[in-house]
Amino acid sequence: MGMGVSHYAQQTRPRKGENNRRGTLLTLMGAVFVRDVWAPARINEDVIPYLKENKPNQVEIIFRQLVQPWHPSSTLVHESALAVERVSPDSFWAYSVALFAQQRDFFDVNVVNETRNQTYQRLAELAGSVGIDKDEVYKLLFIADKPDGDSYNIGNQVTNDLKFITKAARQVSAHVTPTVYFNGVVEGSISSGWTLDQWAEWIQKNVV
């Protein structure tokens, strides 16, 4: 796992003798897309089980994050996911699913009247609800209210990780959500609103 790059590979890697032919790698940056953590849980609940049943051992799904900065709380939510990855890497997906379920709690209107650290506290509590050490998560997120010498933008302990995933997304020109890469090539037809039937049709056509 690269530093600060969250990923989730549910499907197994291609079988021995298979290389990067069609259908061997679906890199979906962000929530199985390069998208923000508000991604629908359909991938986890519907698409991955469908792939396991219908295309076993043919697809690897990689999950990467992309902050949507016009929602200020998006940064905080992604920071919390990065903190979870440091504290309990194996719990990253469980925490992501919890975020999907509780996303409204962190929309603009539900964070506007609290401090940044208060939002971090609520995110750490959510991590605790899926068995992650909430105190360790909060320790990574906490920002002091005193400068460090002449430095006033001191960030927290996952700031560098956040910079890394942002640079990674920029490097592959990922801007909209979702951005899906199939065998390294952008697949522009896939939409975040797709039903399982639409996913199934695309999978049957493209995964061989």
Protein backbone atom coordinates (compact mmCIF):
# COMPACT_ATOMS: atom_id res chain seq x y z
CA MET A 1 0.00 0.00 0.00
CA GLY A 2 1.47 3.32 -1.04
CA MET A 3 1.81 5.99 1.59
CA GLY A 4 -1.47 7.78 2.08
CA VAL A 5 -3.18 6.18 -0.94
CA SER A 6 -6.26 4.37 0.25
CA HIS A 7 -7.21 1.35 -1.75
CA TYR A 8 -9.43 -1.65 -1.56
CA ALA A 9 -8.91 -4.68 -3.79
CA GLN A 10 -11.88 -7.00 -3.42
CA GLN A 11 -11.45 -9.23 -6.45
CA THR A 12 -8.42 -11.44 -6.74
CA ARG A 13 -5.59 -10.64 -9.11
CA PRO A 14 -5.57 -12.14 -12.63
CA ARG A 15 -4.73 -15.82 -12.79
CA LYS A 16 -1.21 -16.93 -13.62
CA GLY A 17 -0.56 -16.45 -17.31
CA GLU A 18 -3.01 -13.57 -17.65
CA ASN A 19 -1.64 -10.11 -18.19
CA ASN A 20 -3.23 -6.73 -18.70
CA ARG A 21 -5.80 -7.86 -21.25
CA ARG A 22 -9.36 -6.56 -21.21
CA GLY A 23 -11.14 -7.31 -17.99
CA THR A 24 -8.22 -7.87 -15.66
CA LEU A 25 -8.07 -4.55 -13.84
CA LEU A 26 -10.77 -2.03 -12.99
CA THR A 27 -9.10 0.90 -11.24
CA LEU A 28 -11.87 3.02 -9.84
CA MET A 29 -10.21 5.85 -8.04
CA GLY A 30 -12.18 7.14 -5.13
CA ALA A 31 -14.99 4.86 -4.20
CA VAL A 32 -14.10 2.37 -6.68
CA PHE A 33 -13.83 5.57 -8.64
CA VAL A 34 -11.61 8.61 -8.25
CA ARG A 35 -14.50 10.14 -6.45
CA ASP A 36 -15.20 11.41 -2.99
CA VAL A 37 -16.14 9.24 -0.06
CA TRP A 38 -19.83 10.06 -0.63
CA ALA A 39 -19.88 7.30 -3.27
CA PRO A 40 -22.90 5.00 -3.21
CA ALA A 41 -22.53 1.70 -1.42
CA ARG A 42 -23.87 -0.09 -4.52
CA ILE A 43 -20.35 -1.15 -5.48
CA ASN A 44 -19.84 -2.95 -2.19
CA GLU A 45 -23.36 -4.29 -1.81
CA ASP A 46 -24.20 -5.22 -5.42
CA VAL A 47 -21.38 -4.96 -7.94
CA ILE A 48 -18.66 -6.81 -6.04
CA PRO A 49 -20.95 -9.78 -5.22
CA TYR A 50 -22.01 -9.83 -8.89
CA LEU A 51 -18.38 -9.95 -10.02
CA LYS A 52 -17.56 -12.71 -7.55
CA GLU A 53 -20.41 -14.83 -8.85
CA ASN A 54 -20.14 -14.09 -12.57
CA LYS A 55 -16.52 -13.10 -13.23
CA PRO A 56 -14.46 -14.72 -10.47
CA ASN A 57 -10.71 -14.08 -10.55
CA GLN A 58 -11.02 -11.76 -13.54
CA VAL A 59 -11.29 -8.31 -12.01
CA GLU A 60 -9.36 -6.38 -9.40
CA ILE A 61 -11.06 -3.29 -8.01
CA ILE A 62 -8.89 -0.54 -6.56
CA PHE A 63 -10.39 2.25 -4.47
CA ARG A 64 -8.74 5.67 -4.32
CA GLN A 65 -9.86 8.94 -2.79
CA LEU A 66 -10.56 12.32 -4.36
CA VAL A 67 -11.51 15.32 -2.22
CA GLN A 68 -14.29 17.57 -3.55
CA PRO A 69 -13.18 20.93 -2.08
CA TRP A 70 -16.38 22.84 -2.85
CA HIS A 71 -17.78 20.85 0.08
CA PRO A 72 -15.37 21.91 2.85
CA SER A 73 -16.28 18.92 5.00
CA SER A 74 -15.09 16.61 2.21
CA THR A 75 -11.51 17.37 3.24
CA LEU A 76 -12.24 16.45 6.85
CA VAL A 77 -13.99 13.24 5.89
CA HIS A 78 -11.10 12.15 3.68
CA GLU A 79 -8.62 13.03 6.40
CA SER A 80 -10.55 10.74 8.73
CA ALA A 81 -10.33 7.91 6.19
CA LEU A 82 -6.59 8.45 5.91
CA ALA A 83 -6.30 8.38 9.70
CA VAL A 84 -8.25 5.12 9.81
CA GLU A 85 -5.91 3.66 7.22
CA ARG A 86 -2.96 4.46 9.48
CA VAL A 87 -4.58 3.15 12.67
CA SER A 88 -6.28 0.05 11.26
CA PRO A 89 -5.63 -0.54 7.55
CA ASP A 90 -7.80 -3.65 7.43
CA SER A 91 -10.77 -1.60 8.65
CA PHE A 92 -10.59 0.99 5.87
CA TRP A 93 -13.46 -0.45 3.85
CA ALA A 94 -15.67 -1.05 6.90
CA TYR A 95 -15.18 2.60 7.81
CA SER A 96 -15.93 3.71 4.25
CA VAL A 97 -19.20 1.77 4.33
CA ALA A 98 -20.06 3.46 7.64
CA LEU A 99 -19.40 6.84 6.01
CA PHE A 100 -21.69 5.95 3.12
CA ALA A 101 -24.45 5.18 5.61
CA GLN A 102 -23.92 8.31 7.74
CA GLN A 103 -22.93 10.77 5.02
CA ARG A 104 -25.70 13.27 5.72
CA ASP A 105 -24.28 13.81 9.20
CA PHE A 106 -21.29 15.48 7.54
CA PHE A 107 -22.98 17.50 4.80
CA ASP A 108 -22.54 21.29 4.84
CA VAL A 109 -25.58 22.17 6.94
CA ASN A 110 -24.62 19.65 9.63
CA VAL A 111 -21.06 20.88 10.14
CA VAL A 112 -21.31 24.63 9.56
CA ASN A 113 -21.86 25.52 13.21
CA GLU A 114 -19.20 23.32 14.76
CA THR A 115 -15.44 23.70 14.96
CA ARG A 116 -13.13 21.63 12.81
CA ASN A 117 -11.98 19.60 15.79
CA GLN A 118 -15.60 18.94 16.75
CA THR A 119 -16.21 17.46 13.32
CA TYR A 120 -13.06 15.40 13.72
CA GLN A 121 -14.38 14.14 17.05
CA ARG A 122 -17.61 12.97 15.42
CA LEU A 123 -15.68 11.25 12.65
CA ALA A 124 -13.49 9.52 15.22
CA GLU A 125 -16.63 8.37 17.04
CA LEU A 126 -17.90 6.90 13.78
CA ALA A 127 -14.61 5.04 13.39
CA GLY A 128 -15.06 3.73 16.90
CA SER A 129 -18.48 2.37 15.95
CA VAL A 130 -16.82 -0.14 13.61
CA GLY A 131 -14.21 -1.26 16.12
CA ILE A 132 -11.38 1.18 15.37
CA ASP A 133 -9.53 2.95 18.19
CA LYS A 134 -11.30 6.31 18.11
CA ASP A 135 -8.73 8.00 20.34
CA GLU A 136 -5.90 7.08 17.99
CA VAL A 137 -7.90 8.33 15.01
CA TYR A 138 -8.67 11.63 16.71
CA LYS A 139 -5.03 12.04 17.74
CA LEU A 140 -4.05 12.00 14.06
CA LEU A 141 -6.79 14.48 13.11
CA PHE A 142 -6.53 16.99 15.96
CA ILE A 143 -5.24 20.47 15.13
CA ALA A 144 -3.86 22.65 17.92
CA ASP A 145 -5.08 26.23 18.31
CA LYS A 146 -1.59 27.58 18.95
CA PRO A 147 1.05 28.24 16.25
CA ASP A 148 4.22 26.21 16.02
CA GLY A 149 6.76 29.02 16.15
CA ASP A 150 6.05 31.18 13.12
CA SER A 151 3.95 28.49 11.46
CA TYR A 152 0.20 29.09 11.65
CA ASN A 153 -0.94 26.57 9.02
CA ILE A 154 0.31 23.61 11.00
CA GLY A 155 -2.10 20.98 9.69
CA ASN A 156 -2.46 17.62 11.39
CA GLN A 157 -0.73 14.26 11.20
CA VAL A 158 -2.42 13.21 7.95
CA THR A 159 -1.89 16.48 6.07
CA ASN A 160 0.99 15.03 4.05
CA ASP A 161 -1.12 11.99 3.19
CA LEU A 162 -3.87 14.30 1.95
CA LYS A 163 -1.35 16.13 -0.22
CA PHE A 164 -0.20 12.82 -1.64
CA ILE A 165 -3.64 11.59 -2.73
CA THR A 166 -4.40 15.01 -4.19
CA LYS A 167 -1.21 14.96 -6.25
CA ALA A 168 -1.96 11.40 -7.36
CA ALA A 169 -5.40 12.41 -8.64
CA ARG A 170 -4.03 15.46 -10.43
CA GLN A 171 -1.33 13.38 -12.07
CA VAL A 172 -3.94 11.24 -13.84
CA SER A 173 -6.18 14.26 -14.58
CA ALA A 174 -9.02 13.06 -12.35
CA HIS A 175 -11.41 15.91 -11.74
CA VAL A 176 -15.02 14.73 -11.95
CA THR A 177 -16.64 12.02 -9.91
CA PRO A 178 -16.75 9.26 -10.71
CA THR A 179 -13.64 8.87 -12.81
CA VAL A 180 -13.17 5.22 -13.71
CA TYR A 181 -10.04 3.68 -15.21
CA PHE A 182 -10.39 0.33 -16.97
CA ASN A 183 -6.97 -1.19 -17.66
CA GLY A 184 -5.48 2.28 -17.26
CA VAL A 185 -7.81 4.02 -19.70
CA VAL A 186 -10.57 6.41 -18.61
CA GLU A 187 -14.00 4.79 -18.99
CA GLY A 188 -16.29 7.79 -19.37
CA SER A 189 -19.55 5.91 -19.74
CA ILE A 190 -19.83 4.77 -16.12
CA SER A 191 -22.04 6.88 -13.87
CA SER A 192 -22.36 7.03 -10.09
CA GLY A 193 -26.11 6.57 -10.53
CA TRP A 194 -25.86 3.26 -12.36
CA THR A 195 -28.13 0.42 -11.27
CA LEU A 196 -26.86 -3.13 -10.90
CA ASP A 197 -28.47 -3.99 -14.25
CA GLN A 198 -26.42 -1.27 -15.94
CA TRP A 199 -23.26 -2.46 -14.25
CA ALA A 200 -24.02 -6.05 -15.25
CA GLU A 201 -24.50 -5.05 -18.88
CA TRP A 202 -21.19 -3.17 -18.91
CA ILE A 203 -19.34 -5.99 -17.16
CA GLN A 204 -20.63 -8.64 -19.56
CA LYS A 205 -19.61 -6.51 -22.52
CA ASN A 206 -16.17 -5.49 -21.32
CA VAL A 207 -14.83 -8.16 -18.96
CA VAL A 208 -13.73 -11.19 -20.96
